[in-house]
Amino acid sequence: METELDCLGDICPLPILKLQNSGNLQNSGDSIKLITDHSCTVESVRSYCKLNHLIILDVFEPINGVWEIIIQKP
C-alpha cells in the first residue's frame, strides 16, 4: 500500500523526521511517496534509506523543483 507524505516547504531534517514517524513502512512491500521541493532532501532520504535498509524505487521531478521519492520496505 502506497501512501503520500507531503513535505513541500519543509527543510531538513523535517522530511526525515516525518518519514521516521509516518509508520507507513511497517510490512514488507509497503511503500510511501515522499514529495519535496528541496533538493537536499533527496540526498538526505537516500542516506536514511541506506541506513535503514529501505529501497528507493524511483526519484523523479514531475515539475521543475518538486521531487517525488518512492520508498519501499523490502
Protein backbone atom coordinates (compact mmCIF):
# COMPACT_ATOMS: atom_id res chain seq x y z
CA MET A 1 0.00 0.00 0.00
CA GLU A 2 1.48 3.34 -1.05
CA THR A 3 0.74 6.49 0.90
CA GLU A 4 1.85 10.07 0.27
CA LEU A 5 3.95 12.12 2.61
CA ASP A 6 3.73 15.84 1.80
CA CYS A 7 6.97 17.58 2.70
CA LEU A 8 6.54 20.61 0.46
CA GLY A 9 8.07 23.64 2.15
CA ASP A 10 9.81 21.51 4.80
CA ILE A 11 13.55 21.92 5.23
CA CYS A 12 15.92 19.26 6.53
CA PRO A 13 15.70 17.45 8.84
CA LEU A 14 11.87 17.73 8.97
CA PRO A 15 11.19 15.42 5.96
CA ILE A 16 13.34 12.69 7.55
CA LEU A 17 11.54 13.11 10.87
CA LYS A 18 8.17 12.89 9.11
CA LEU A 19 9.32 9.74 7.31
CA GLN A 20 10.53 8.18 10.59
CA ASN A 21 7.26 8.98 12.35
CA SER A 22 4.89 8.12 9.50
CA GLY A 23 4.50 4.47 10.50
CA ASN A 24 3.64 3.61 6.89
CA LEU A 25 6.58 1.27 6.25
CA GLN A 26 5.72 -1.49 8.71
CA ASN A 27 5.30 -4.52 6.44
CA SER A 28 7.27 -5.92 3.55
CA GLY A 29 6.05 -4.33 0.33
CA ASP A 30 4.68 -1.19 1.99
CA SER A 31 5.66 1.96 0.13
CA ILE A 32 5.44 5.68 0.55
CA LYS A 33 5.73 8.60 -1.87
CA LEU A 34 7.61 11.47 -0.26
CA ILE A 35 7.05 14.79 -2.06
CA THR A 36 9.55 17.58 -1.52
CA ASP A 37 10.62 20.86 -3.05
CA HIS A 38 14.12 20.88 -1.52
CA SER A 39 16.85 19.12 -3.48
CA CYS A 40 18.88 18.45 -0.32
CA THR A 41 16.03 16.28 0.95
CA VAL A 42 16.60 13.81 -1.90
CA GLU A 43 20.15 13.13 -0.67
CA SER A 44 19.06 13.00 2.96
CA VAL A 45 16.37 10.44 2.11
CA ARG A 46 18.89 8.35 0.15
CA SER A 47 21.18 8.24 3.20
CA TYR A 48 18.31 7.48 5.57
CA CYS A 49 17.06 4.64 3.38
CA LYS A 50 20.52 3.11 3.07
CA LEU A 51 20.99 3.15 6.86
CA ASN A 52 17.53 1.69 7.47
CA HIS A 53 17.59 -0.95 4.72
CA LEU A 54 14.79 0.65 2.72
CA ILE A 55 14.62 0.60 -1.07
CA ILE A 56 14.24 3.73 -3.20
CA LEU A 57 12.20 2.57 -6.16
CA ASP A 58 12.19 5.87 -8.02
CA VAL A 59 13.13 9.53 -7.78
CA PHE A 60 11.61 11.84 -10.33
CA GLU A 61 10.86 15.50 -10.85
CA PRO A 62 7.28 15.77 -12.23
CA ILE A 63 7.52 19.55 -12.30
CA ASN A 64 10.57 21.76 -12.05
CA GLY A 65 11.73 22.00 -8.43
CA VAL A 66 9.45 19.29 -7.00
CA TRP A 67 10.70 15.74 -6.42
CA GLU A 68 8.77 12.58 -5.69
CA ILE A 69 10.66 9.78 -3.97
CA ILE A 70 9.10 6.32 -3.87
CA ILE A 71 10.39 4.33 -0.87
CA GLN A 72 9.59 0.69 -0.13
CA LYS A 73 10.21 -1.71 2.73
CA PRO A 74 11.74 -4.92 1.33
